Amino acid sequence: MFVPSAAAKRLVVGLHLERTAFPVACLIVMAWVASGFGHSLRPAGPTSVPTISADFANRNNRTRRIPAGGFGINLAALQDRTILTDLTQAGITENRKMAAIPEVYATTTPDWRAFDSNMKLEKSVGLHPLIVLAYSPPWLQPTQGPCAGVPTVPPTDIAQWAQITASYVAHLDQAFPGLVHDYEIWNEPELQKSFCVPDGQNATRLAVYLSIYAAAASAMRAQAAVDGVKIRIGGPAIAVLSLAPQWIPALLSNSGTAPNVDFVSYHMYITGLRQLQQGMDWNKLYSVTQSSTKGELFYHLNIESLVRHGQQHDPWSTPIYLTEFNDNWVPQLDCCRNDPSFAPLWNTVYVSNLLNSIYVGAKHVPARVYYFAGSAGPFCIAGTWDTAMDCDPKSLQPYPQFYAFQLLAASGYLGLSAGGYMAASVAPGSTQSGLMATAFYTSAKDAIVVVNPTNTAYPSVQVTANHSGIANAVGTQFLLNQANPQITSQSLPLTQISGGYTATISVPAYSIVAITIAP
């Protein structure tokens, strides 16, 4: 989203996502559909009594770790210190930052002033940048052909471009020691608008990208060794997920790239232009998000399988970064992205699905998820809160989606920003109808998140925490919905059972209810 012709670029992404099915018939997805998640997609009967249960295994199950610092954001144009401080206090501690190579290296002598100003601001508020090394400076752009004068073109001299990437490592290590550890090479290189090659062919883009990655990663690693620091390098940051079976295995099997892949990244915009043209509403968005054949978990589990079968060092532990996500790529308002009811609901569903992936075949939960965006047209996390909810930057208040992340991540709420562990099990988990849930524990508390994506209120839901591992516990209940847009909390009476606790909660329509069990 940080390149020229953003609307055109997203058009390509959306058309690919909507018109091309994922061609990999992974056993992991077959297992997912046949597993408890698959069964949970069946609508509950009209007379069923909703119950939620989680087993915390006495807080001894340490195999399903949730990494600390897992929540991030693409800041884009957002540079307001107050809002940035709000983000870090809400547990959004990571940000994805474009390296601005065409500007810093407008000449062969770098001008770091604007870049450093951003780094200083982000450091001062406690953000940890991931730097995206992408695009070519004017003096490395071709002067003839269809890609002449386009910053998104691959460099005419890959070796020189690799030295530019190494200079970022050297500069940041010297000017901001310890601030930056993650570097992503290029942004959506599978798109012609983001990676312009003369013949416009995907095979050409992939081959050139591998050459660029190999040269840059080698130069960056060498510079980090000279500086005595450890860095993480990753990619390919693709958004056309139908191409993942080509791009990710190629990156993870090439002898010049695989040894230097420390994380694998991708982007996901679950709907596109077609859904908007057909009149996307909450029910349609939720249906696509939860689809077992084209939904969020479907794509993530396929990518997870590709990563685990790679030839990089220790593929079973290679982190996966989701470096851009939102409900739709089209740069116009939609039903739900900034809506007071549906924005917090959808983002909680989205994160809950990623956490629950561990129950349906994923080896690990994603290590990082970066929301798009801080402020970029109709994509934002702060703007003027009014009837339009169009991200107008003339005044900046946290938007509804902000509070979903605050609930999940902030230390005063569920505290996932500090990391934790998934519960041994949760039921019903991710669903396609009715209530859904996820459960985890941190050093301070057990947590169960209940999401009601329906227009039906459930006034009496029994929630059970088995094998809690916490004695003499107190319960707290949090509520986030349109009537409680900034999260309300109240004490929750707990009934002790053998090895755990049970409680009864009311779950209004279109609401998130979270409970914590703490000493």
Protein backbone atom coordinates (compact mmCIF):
# COMPACT_ATOMS: atom_id res chain seq x y z
CA MET A 1 0.00 0.00 0.00
CA PHE A 2 3.04 2.28 0.02
CA VAL A 3 3.65 2.44 -3.71
CA PRO A 4 2.36 4.64 -6.54
CA SER A 5 -1.01 3.72 -8.08
CA ALA A 6 -2.20 2.10 -4.87
CA ALA A 7 -5.74 1.67 -6.13
CA ALA A 8 -4.55 -0.07 -9.26
CA LYS A 9 -2.27 -2.29 -7.24
CA ARG A 10 -5.06 -3.35 -4.91
CA LEU A 11 -7.26 -4.04 -7.94
CA VAL A 12 -4.74 -6.63 -9.06
CA VAL A 13 -4.58 -8.16 -5.58
CA GLY A 14 -8.33 -8.33 -5.24
CA LEU A 15 -8.88 -9.86 -8.64
CA HIS A 16 -6.31 -12.53 -7.93
CA LEU A 17 -7.77 -13.30 -4.52
CA GLU A 18 -11.29 -13.47 -5.88
CA ARG A 19 -10.76 -15.21 -9.23
CA THR A 20 -8.04 -17.72 -8.46
CA ALA A 21 -8.50 -20.55 -6.01
CA PHE A 22 -5.52 -21.73 -3.98
CA PRO A 23 -4.16 -24.64 -6.02
CA VAL A 24 -2.50 -26.60 -3.21
CA ALA A 25 -4.51 -29.51 -1.83
CA CYS A 26 -2.66 -29.63 1.46
CA LEU A 27 -3.37 -32.49 3.82
CA ILE A 28 -3.32 -29.97 6.64
CA VAL A 29 -6.46 -28.30 5.27
CA MET A 30 -8.17 -31.65 4.78
CA ALA A 31 -7.39 -32.44 8.39
CA TRP A 32 -8.71 -29.02 9.43
CA VAL A 33 -12.06 -29.52 7.69
CA ALA A 34 -12.39 -33.02 9.17
CA SER A 35 -11.31 -31.93 12.63
CA GLY A 36 -13.09 -30.22 15.44
CA PHE A 37 -12.91 -26.90 13.54
CA GLY A 38 -14.64 -28.47 10.57
CA HIS A 39 -17.36 -29.86 12.79
CA SER A 40 -17.75 -26.51 14.52
CA LEU A 41 -18.75 -24.94 11.22
CA ARG A 42 -22.11 -26.69 11.47
CA PRO A 43 -24.84 -24.34 12.68
CA ALA A 44 -25.98 -24.98 16.22
CA GLY A 45 -29.51 -26.22 16.64
CA PRO A 46 -32.11 -23.64 17.56
CA THR A 47 -32.69 -25.19 21.01
CA SER A 48 -29.02 -25.64 21.98
CA VAL A 49 -27.77 -23.94 25.13
CA PRO A 50 -24.48 -22.11 24.44
CA THR A 51 -21.53 -23.25 26.52
CA ILE A 52 -17.88 -22.30 26.31
CA SER A 53 -15.12 -24.39 27.84
CA ALA A 54 -11.33 -24.17 27.93
CA ASP A 55 -8.73 -26.47 29.43
CA PHE A 56 -5.66 -24.61 30.74
CA ALA A 57 -3.77 -27.82 31.67
CA ASN A 58 -2.80 -26.28 35.01
CA ARG A 59 -0.75 -23.71 33.07
CA ASN A 60 1.89 -26.35 32.33
CA ASN A 61 1.36 -26.72 28.57
CA ARG A 62 4.27 -24.69 27.13
CA THR A 63 4.29 -26.09 23.59
CA ARG A 64 1.82 -23.56 22.17
CA ARG A 65 3.61 -20.32 22.79
CA ILE A 66 2.28 -16.89 21.80
CA PRO A 67 5.34 -14.68 21.16
CA ALA A 68 5.63 -11.34 22.92
CA GLY A 69 5.30 -8.24 20.76
CA GLY A 70 2.92 -9.92 18.37
CA PHE A 71 0.77 -6.88 17.52
CA GLY A 72 1.92 -4.31 14.98
CA ILE A 73 0.68 -1.69 12.56
CA ASN A 74 1.65 -0.18 9.22
CA LEU A 75 1.84 3.45 10.31
CA ALA A 76 1.72 4.94 6.79
CA ALA A 77 1.15 8.68 7.32
CA LEU A 78 0.33 8.47 11.03
CA GLN A 79 2.94 10.49 12.95
CA ASP A 80 0.93 11.92 15.84
CA ARG A 81 2.86 11.37 19.08
CA THR A 82 -0.26 11.14 21.25
CA ILE A 83 -1.87 8.45 19.11
CA LEU A 84 1.42 6.56 18.77
CA THR A 85 1.72 6.55 22.54
CA ASP A 86 -1.86 5.30 22.77
CA LEU A 87 -0.92 2.45 20.43
CA THR A 88 2.02 1.27 22.49
CA GLN A 89 0.03 1.54 25.71
CA ALA A 90 -2.64 -0.59 24.04
CA GLY A 91 -0.03 -3.27 23.33
CA ILE A 92 0.61 -2.46 19.65
CA THR A 93 4.37 -2.26 20.00
CA GLU A 94 5.57 -3.14 16.49
CA ASN A 95 5.37 -1.08 13.32
CA ARG A 96 6.17 -1.72 9.68
CA LYS A 97 8.17 1.09 8.13
CA MET A 98 9.14 1.62 4.50
CA ALA A 99 12.85 2.33 4.05
CA ALA A 100 12.12 5.12 1.53
CA ILE A 101 15.15 4.12 -0.57
CA PRO A 102 14.26 6.38 -3.55
CA GLU A 103 14.19 9.39 -1.20
CA VAL A 104 17.13 8.55 1.07
CA TYR A 105 19.24 7.65 -1.96
CA ALA A 106 17.94 10.30 -4.33
CA THR A 107 21.65 10.67 -5.10
CA THR A 108 24.47 8.27 -4.43
CA THR A 109 25.05 10.14 -1.15
CA PRO A 110 22.32 9.17 1.32
CA ASP A 111 20.27 11.79 3.11
CA TRP A 112 19.03 10.19 6.33
CA ARG A 113 17.34 13.22 7.87
CA ALA A 114 13.67 12.44 7.18
CA PHE A 115 14.15 8.73 7.81
CA ASP A 116 15.95 9.38 11.09
CA SER A 117 13.27 11.78 12.22
CA ASN A 118 10.72 8.98 11.92
CA MET A 119 13.03 6.55 13.72
CA LYS A 120 13.47 8.98 16.60
CA LEU A 121 9.73 9.44 16.96
CA GLU A 122 9.01 5.73 16.88
CA LYS A 123 11.77 4.98 19.37
CA SER A 124 10.55 7.71 21.73
CA VAL A 125 7.07 6.20 21.99
CA GLY A 126 8.26 2.59 22.30
CA LEU A 127 7.60 1.25 18.81
CA HIS A 128 9.91 -1.35 17.27
CA PRO A 129 10.15 -0.90 13.48
CA LEU A 130 10.34 -3.61 10.87
CA ILE A 131 12.10 -1.99 7.89
CA VAL A 132 10.86 -2.78 4.39
CA LEU A 133 13.74 -2.52 1.92
CA ALA A 134 12.02 -1.92 -1.40
CA TYR A 135 12.19 0.11 -4.62
CA SER A 136 15.03 1.64 -6.58
CA PRO A 137 16.60 5.10 -6.39
CA PRO A 138 16.52 7.24 -9.54
CA TRP A 139 20.08 6.35 -10.52
CA LEU A 140 19.31 2.61 -10.45
CA GLN A 141 16.14 2.86 -12.55
CA PRO A 142 16.16 2.00 -16.27
CA THR A 143 16.02 4.93 -18.67
CA GLN A 144 14.20 3.04 -21.42
CA GLY A 145 11.45 0.47 -21.73
CA PRO A 146 8.07 0.02 -20.01
CA CYS A 147 9.56 0.34 -16.52
CA ALA A 148 11.63 3.47 -17.14
CA GLY A 149 11.48 6.02 -14.34
CA VAL A 150 9.34 3.80 -12.08
CA PRO A 151 10.56 3.55 -8.46
CA THR A 152 9.02 0.09 -8.10
CA VAL A 153 11.30 -1.31 -10.80
CA PRO A 154 14.05 -3.76 -9.78
CA PRO A 155 17.47 -2.06 -9.71
CA THR A 156 19.59 -2.04 -12.83
CA ASP A 157 22.56 -3.07 -10.68
CA ILE A 158 21.61 -5.63 -8.04
CA ALA A 159 25.02 -5.55 -6.38
CA GLN A 160 24.79 -1.80 -5.82
CA TRP A 161 21.27 -2.14 -4.46
CA ALA A 162 22.47 -4.84 -2.07
CA GLN A 163 25.07 -2.42 -0.73
CA ILE A 164 22.29 0.13 -0.16
CA THR A 165 20.41 -2.42 1.96
CA ALA A 166 23.59 -3.15 3.93
CA SER A 167 24.02 0.58 4.51
CA TYR A 168 20.63 0.65 6.25
CA VAL A 169 21.82 -2.04 8.64
CA ALA A 170 25.04 -0.15 9.30
CA HIS A 171 23.28 3.18 9.76
CA LEU A 172 20.61 1.85 12.09
CA ASP A 173 23.10 -0.14 14.15
CA GLN A 174 25.14 3.01 14.65
CA ALA A 175 22.44 5.68 14.98
CA PHE A 176 19.77 3.61 16.75
CA PRO A 177 21.49 0.62 18.37
CA GLY A 178 19.11 -2.14 19.35
CA LEU A 179 16.04 -0.53 17.78
CA VAL A 180 15.67 -2.53 14.55
CA HIS A 181 16.09 -6.28 14.20
CA ASP A 182 13.64 -7.16 11.41
CA TYR A 183 14.13 -6.41 7.71
CA GLU A 184 11.67 -7.38 4.97
CA ILE A 185 12.93 -7.47 1.39
CA TRP A 186 10.53 -5.74 -1.02
CA ASN A 187 6.77 -5.27 -0.84
CA GLU A 188 4.35 -7.44 -2.85
CA PRO A 189 6.91 -8.32 -5.55
CA GLU A 190 4.48 -10.67 -7.28
CA LEU A 191 2.58 -7.63 -8.58
CA GLN A 192 3.71 -5.80 -11.70
CA LYS A 193 2.75 -2.50 -10.06
CA SER A 194 5.11 -3.27 -7.17
CA PHE A 195 7.89 -5.01 -9.11
CA CYS A 196 7.91 -3.83 -12.70
CA VAL A 197 9.67 -6.15 -15.13
CA PRO A 198 9.68 -5.46 -18.90
CA ASP A 199 7.80 -8.60 -19.94
CA GLY A 200 5.28 -8.36 -17.10
CA GLN A 201 5.54 -12.09 -16.39
CA ASN A 202 5.26 -13.67 -12.96
CA ALA A 203 8.11 -16.10 -13.67
CA THR A 204 10.40 -13.19 -14.48
CA ARG A 205 9.42 -11.32 -11.33
CA LEU A 206 10.08 -14.39 -9.20
CA ALA A 207 13.49 -15.06 -10.73
CA VAL A 208 14.58 -11.44 -10.37
CA TYR A 209 13.25 -11.27 -6.80
CA LEU A 210 15.27 -14.32 -5.79
CA SER A 211 18.40 -12.70 -7.21
CA ILE A 212 17.73 -9.47 -5.33
CA TYR A 213 16.93 -11.27 -2.08
CA ALA A 214 20.08 -13.41 -2.27
CA ALA A 215 22.37 -10.45 -2.89
CA ALA A 216 20.75 -8.14 -0.34
CA ALA A 217 20.44 -10.70 2.44
CA SER A 218 24.07 -11.74 2.05
CA ALA A 219 25.29 -8.14 2.20
CA MET A 220 23.04 -7.32 5.16
CA ARG A 221 24.13 -10.40 7.09
CA ALA A 222 27.77 -9.55 6.52
CA GLN A 223 27.21 -6.00 7.78
CA ALA A 224 25.39 -7.24 10.87
CA ALA A 225 28.31 -9.56 11.62
CA VAL A 226 30.72 -6.63 11.39
CA ASP A 227 28.46 -4.66 13.76
CA GLY A 228 28.21 -7.58 16.16
CA VAL A 229 24.40 -7.71 16.02
CA LYS A 230 21.82 -10.27 15.03
CA ILE A 231 19.15 -9.34 12.50
CA ARG A 232 16.18 -11.16 11.04
CA ILE A 233 15.58 -11.06 7.28
CA GLY A 234 12.43 -12.20 5.57
CA GLY A 235 9.91 -12.02 2.75
CA PRO A 236 8.37 -12.34 0.24
CA ALA A 237 5.49 -10.15 1.53
CA ILE A 238 3.12 -11.35 -1.19
CA ALA A 239 -0.60 -10.51 -1.32
CA VAL A 240 -1.75 -12.72 -4.22
CA LEU A 241 -2.16 -15.85 -2.16
CA SER A 242 -2.85 -18.06 -5.17
CA LEU A 243 0.85 -17.55 -6.00
CA ALA A 244 2.06 -18.63 -2.57
CA PRO A 245 2.74 -22.24 -3.74
CA GLN A 246 5.19 -20.82 -6.28
CA TRP A 247 6.79 -17.97 -4.37
CA ILE A 248 7.24 -19.39 -0.90
CA PRO A 249 8.77 -22.77 -1.89
CA ALA A 250 11.03 -20.97 -4.37
CA LEU A 251 12.29 -18.64 -1.66
CA LEU A 252 12.73 -21.50 0.80
CA SER A 253 14.52 -23.89 -1.57
CA ASN A 254 16.86 -21.59 -3.50
CA SER A 255 20.45 -22.06 -2.36
CA GLY A 256 21.07 -18.32 -2.45
CA THR A 257 18.01 -17.35 -0.42
CA ALA A 258 16.95 -20.20 1.90
CA PRO A 259 19.92 -19.86 4.29
CA ASN A 260 18.97 -16.21 4.83
CA VAL A 261 15.24 -16.56 5.49
CA ASP A 262 14.57 -15.88 9.16
CA PHE A 263 10.83 -15.28 8.77
CA VAL A 264 8.24 -15.68 6.03
CA SER A 265 5.77 -12.84 5.44
CA TYR A 266 2.53 -12.44 3.55
CA HIS A 267 -0.44 -10.05 3.27
CA MET A 268 -4.13 -10.86 3.46
CA TYR A 269 -7.15 -8.81 2.41
CA ILE A 270 -9.92 -11.36 2.68
CA THR A 271 -12.38 -9.59 0.35
CA GLY A 272 -12.07 -7.34 -2.67
CA LEU A 273 -13.82 -5.40 -5.41
CA ARG A 274 -16.33 -8.11 -6.27
CA GLN A 275 -17.72 -8.26 -2.74
CA LEU A 276 -18.13 -4.49 -2.66
CA GLN A 277 -19.87 -4.45 -6.01
CA GLN A 278 -22.25 -7.14 -4.78
CA GLY A 279 -23.09 -5.15 -1.68
CA MET A 280 -20.82 -6.44 1.05
CA ASP A 281 -22.37 -6.42 4.51
CA TRP A 282 -21.35 -7.93 7.83
CA ASN A 283 -22.90 -11.34 7.15
CA LYS A 284 -21.11 -11.67 3.82
CA LEU A 285 -17.79 -10.50 5.25
CA TYR A 286 -18.02 -12.92 8.15
CA SER A 287 -18.97 -15.78 5.85
CA VAL A 288 -15.93 -15.22 3.64
CA THR A 289 -13.62 -14.75 6.62
CA GLN A 290 -14.73 -18.07 8.13
CA SER A 291 -15.03 -20.04 4.90
CA SER A 292 -13.31 -23.43 4.96
CA THR A 293 -12.40 -23.13 1.27
CA LYS A 294 -11.45 -19.46 0.80
CA GLY A 295 -11.31 -17.97 4.28
CA GLU A 296 -8.65 -16.71 6.61
CA LEU A 297 -7.70 -20.06 8.17
CA PHE A 298 -7.72 -21.80 4.80
CA TYR A 299 -5.03 -19.49 3.44
CA HIS A 300 -3.02 -19.31 6.64
CA LEU A 301 -2.88 -23.10 7.07
CA ASN A 302 -1.74 -23.54 3.48
CA ILE A 303 1.03 -20.99 3.93
CA GLU A 304 2.00 -22.56 7.25
CA SER A 305 2.35 -25.92 5.51
CA LEU A 306 4.54 -24.42 2.77
CA VAL A 307 6.83 -22.83 5.35
CA ARG A 308 7.19 -26.03 7.39
CA HIS A 309 8.21 -27.96 4.27
CA GLY A 310 10.90 -25.47 3.24
CA GLN A 311 14.65 -26.01 3.16
CA GLN A 312 15.56 -23.02 5.32
CA HIS A 313 17.23 -23.52 8.69
CA ASP A 314 14.83 -25.26 11.10
CA PRO A 315 11.62 -24.89 9.06
CA TRP A 316 9.51 -26.14 11.96
CA SER A 317 10.31 -23.02 13.95
CA THR A 318 10.49 -20.38 11.20
CA PRO A 319 8.25 -17.48 12.30
CA ILE A 320 5.42 -16.31 10.05
CA TYR A 321 4.68 -12.59 9.90
CA LEU A 322 1.38 -11.28 8.56
CA THR A 323 2.74 -7.86 7.61
CA GLU A 324 -0.50 -6.38 6.21
CA PHE A 325 -4.09 -7.32 6.86
CA ASN A 326 -7.54 -5.78 6.72
CA ASP A 327 -11.04 -6.79 5.65
CA ASN A 328 -10.79 -5.41 2.09
CA TRP A 329 -8.07 -3.95 -0.14
CA VAL A 330 -10.26 -1.44 -2.02
CA PRO A 331 -9.42 2.16 -1.00
CA GLN A 332 -12.99 3.18 -0.27
CA LEU A 333 -15.32 2.90 2.70
CA ASP A 334 -17.01 -0.41 3.23
CA CYS A 335 -19.56 -1.87 5.62
CA CYS A 336 -17.27 -2.82 8.40
CA ARG A 337 -13.67 -1.63 8.44
CA ASN A 338 -14.28 1.42 10.66
CA ASP A 339 -17.79 0.62 11.86
CA PRO A 340 -18.42 0.94 15.64
CA SER A 341 -20.14 -2.46 15.70
CA PHE A 342 -18.26 -4.48 13.14
CA ALA A 343 -14.68 -3.17 13.21
CA PRO A 344 -13.86 -4.46 16.71
CA LEU A 345 -15.85 -7.60 16.01
CA TRP A 346 -14.05 -8.48 12.78
CA ASN A 347 -10.56 -7.80 14.13
CA THR A 348 -11.23 -9.92 17.20
CA VAL A 349 -12.52 -12.72 14.98
CA TYR A 350 -9.44 -12.38 12.79
CA VAL A 351 -6.92 -12.57 15.62
CA SER A 352 -8.87 -15.35 17.33
CA ASN A 353 -8.73 -17.43 14.14
CA LEU A 354 -4.97 -17.03 13.95
CA LEU A 355 -4.60 -18.09 17.58
CA ASN A 356 -6.95 -21.03 17.06
CA SER A 357 -4.93 -22.19 14.05
CA ILE A 358 -2.83 -24.09 16.56
CA TYR A 359 -5.77 -26.41 17.20
CA VAL A 360 -6.32 -27.30 13.55
CA GLY A 361 -2.88 -28.14 12.26
CA ALA A 362 -0.61 -25.09 12.56
CA LYS A 363 2.75 -25.70 14.21
CA HIS A 364 2.88 -22.20 15.72
CA VAL A 365 0.64 -19.15 15.90
CA PRO A 366 1.86 -16.23 13.74
CA ALA A 367 4.72 -14.38 15.39
CA ARG A 368 3.60 -10.93 14.18
CA VAL A 369 0.39 -9.42 12.78
CA TYR A 370 0.47 -5.87 11.38
CA TYR A 371 -2.81 -4.05 10.88
CA PHE A 372 -3.18 -1.84 7.79
CA ALA A 373 -3.02 1.03 8.51
CA GLY A 374 -2.31 3.90 10.89
CA SER A 375 -3.52 6.53 8.42
CA ALA A 376 -3.86 5.84 4.70
CA GLY A 377 -7.04 7.14 3.12
CA PRO A 378 -9.99 5.09 4.38
CA PHE A 379 -7.58 2.72 6.18
CA CYS A 380 -6.77 3.98 9.65
CA ILE A 381 -6.71 3.27 13.35
CA ALA A 382 -7.37 6.89 14.33
CA GLY A 383 -9.35 9.73 12.79
CA THR A 384 -12.37 11.93 13.32
CA TRP A 385 -15.08 9.92 15.07
CA ASP A 386 -18.28 11.05 13.39
CA THR A 387 -21.12 9.65 11.30
CA ALA A 388 -18.83 9.22 8.27
CA MET A 389 -16.03 7.28 10.03
CA ASP A 390 -13.90 7.98 6.94
CA CYS A 391 -10.55 8.42 8.71
CA ASP A 392 -10.63 12.22 8.37
CA PRO A 393 -7.30 13.25 9.97
CA LYS A 394 -8.41 16.74 11.01
CA SER A 395 -8.85 15.31 14.50
CA LEU A 396 -7.46 12.05 15.78
CA GLN A 397 -9.39 9.78 18.09
CA PRO A 398 -8.79 6.03 18.32
CA TYR A 399 -11.18 4.27 15.95
CA PRO A 400 -13.35 1.28 16.94
CA GLN A 401 -10.80 -1.31 15.80
CA PHE A 402 -8.22 0.17 18.17
CA TYR A 403 -10.18 -1.15 21.13
CA ALA A 404 -10.15 -4.73 19.84
CA PHE A 405 -6.36 -4.69 19.96
CA GLN A 406 -6.35 -2.92 23.31
CA LEU A 407 -8.60 -5.60 24.78
CA LEU A 408 -6.43 -8.43 23.50
CA ALA A 409 -2.99 -6.93 24.00
CA ALA A 410 -2.86 -4.27 26.75
CA SER A 411 -1.55 -5.24 30.18
CA GLY A 412 -4.65 -3.84 31.87
CA TYR A 413 -6.86 -6.18 29.85
CA LEU A 414 -5.84 -9.58 28.46
CA GLY A 415 -2.13 -8.76 28.18
CA LEU A 416 -1.11 -10.70 25.06
CA SER A 417 1.47 -8.10 24.07
CA ALA A 418 3.75 -9.64 26.70
CA GLY A 419 3.22 -13.10 25.24
CA GLY A 420 1.64 -16.19 26.66
CA TYR A 421 0.49 -19.71 25.85
CA MET A 422 -2.61 -21.12 24.24
CA ALA A 423 -4.94 -23.20 26.34
CA ALA A 424 -4.69 -26.94 25.75
CA SER A 425 -8.15 -26.81 24.18
CA VAL A 426 -11.13 -24.53 23.71
CA ALA A 427 -14.65 -25.27 22.55
CA PRO A 428 -16.31 -24.30 20.33
CA GLY A 429 -13.20 -22.52 18.94
CA SER A 430 -13.54 -20.87 15.54
CA THR A 431 -16.97 -21.31 13.98
CA GLN A 432 -19.00 -20.26 10.98
CA SER A 433 -22.20 -19.65 12.93
CA GLY A 434 -23.09 -19.00 16.53
CA LEU A 435 -20.58 -18.08 19.20
CA MET A 436 -16.85 -18.59 18.76
CA ALA A 437 -14.06 -18.49 21.32
CA THR A 438 -10.35 -18.61 21.97
CA ALA A 439 -8.42 -19.10 25.21
CA PHE A 440 -4.89 -18.51 26.46
CA TYR A 441 -2.94 -17.70 29.57
CA THR A 442 -0.22 -15.22 30.46
CA SER A 443 2.04 -14.95 33.47
CA ALA A 444 -0.71 -13.01 35.22
CA LYS A 445 -4.03 -14.60 34.25
CA ASP A 446 -6.11 -17.09 32.32
CA ALA A 447 -8.27 -15.57 29.59
CA ILE A 448 -11.26 -16.71 27.55
CA VAL A 449 -12.54 -14.56 24.68
CA VAL A 450 -16.12 -15.10 23.52
CA VAL A 451 -17.23 -13.51 20.24
CA ASN A 452 -20.84 -13.19 19.20
CA PRO A 453 -20.90 -12.31 15.47
CA THR A 454 -24.67 -12.74 15.25
CA ASN A 455 -27.69 -10.53 15.83
CA THR A 456 -28.91 -12.92 18.52
CA ALA A 457 -28.23 -12.12 22.16
CA TYR A 458 -27.26 -14.96 24.48
CA PRO A 459 -28.29 -13.87 27.98
CA SER A 460 -26.99 -16.94 29.83
CA VAL A 461 -23.79 -18.57 28.58
CA GLN A 462 -21.91 -20.95 30.83
CA VAL A 463 -18.14 -20.55 30.63
CA THR A 464 -15.90 -23.17 32.21
CA ALA A 465 -12.15 -22.97 32.84
CA ASN A 466 -10.88 -26.47 33.50
CA HIS A 467 -7.50 -27.10 35.18
CA SER A 468 -7.01 -23.38 35.64
CA GLY A 469 -3.88 -23.68 37.73
CA ILE A 470 -4.85 -20.61 39.77
CA ALA A 471 -5.97 -20.89 43.37
CA ASN A 472 -8.24 -18.39 45.13
CA ALA A 473 -9.04 -16.71 41.82
CA VAL A 474 -11.01 -13.59 41.10
CA GLY A 475 -12.89 -13.06 37.85
CA THR A 476 -13.19 -9.99 35.66
CA GLN A 477 -15.48 -9.54 32.68
CA PHE A 478 -14.86 -7.14 29.77
CA LEU A 479 -17.44 -6.06 27.21
CA LEU A 480 -16.75 -4.43 23.84
CA ASN A 481 -19.54 -3.51 21.43
CA GLN A 482 -21.22 -0.46 19.93
CA ALA A 483 -22.90 0.40 23.23
CA ASN A 484 -19.60 -0.07 25.08
CA PRO A 485 -17.12 1.25 22.49
CA GLN A 486 -14.18 1.77 24.85
CA ILE A 487 -14.42 -1.51 26.80
CA THR A 488 -16.31 -1.73 30.07
CA SER A 489 -15.27 -4.03 32.88
CA GLN A 490 -16.87 -5.51 35.98
CA SER A 491 -16.11 -8.19 38.51
CA LEU A 492 -17.32 -11.66 37.59
CA PRO A 493 -18.48 -14.13 40.27
CA LEU A 494 -16.68 -17.46 39.85
CA THR A 495 -17.93 -20.81 41.06
CA GLN A 496 -15.14 -23.19 41.98
CA ILE A 497 -15.31 -26.68 40.50
CA SER A 498 -12.84 -29.54 40.68
CA GLY A 499 -9.64 -28.14 39.19
CA GLY A 500 -11.17 -24.96 37.85
CA TYR A 501 -13.98 -22.46 37.73
CA THR A 502 -17.27 -21.80 36.03
CA ALA A 503 -19.26 -18.61 35.49
CA THR A 504 -22.36 -17.45 33.68
CA ILE A 505 -22.12 -14.48 31.36
CA SER A 506 -24.44 -12.52 29.10
CA VAL A 507 -23.23 -12.11 25.52
CA PRO A 508 -25.15 -9.39 23.62
CA ALA A 509 -25.51 -9.44 19.86
CA TYR A 510 -22.47 -8.29 17.86
CA SER A 511 -20.27 -8.26 20.96
CA ILE A 512 -16.99 -9.44 22.40
CA VAL A 513 -17.01 -10.64 25.99
CA ALA A 514 -13.71 -11.59 27.58
CA ILE A 515 -13.16 -13.00 31.03
CA THR A 516 -9.99 -13.27 33.03
CA ILE A 517 -9.20 -15.51 35.98
CA ALA A 518 -6.40 -14.15 38.11
CA PRO A 519 -4.96 -14.76 41.60
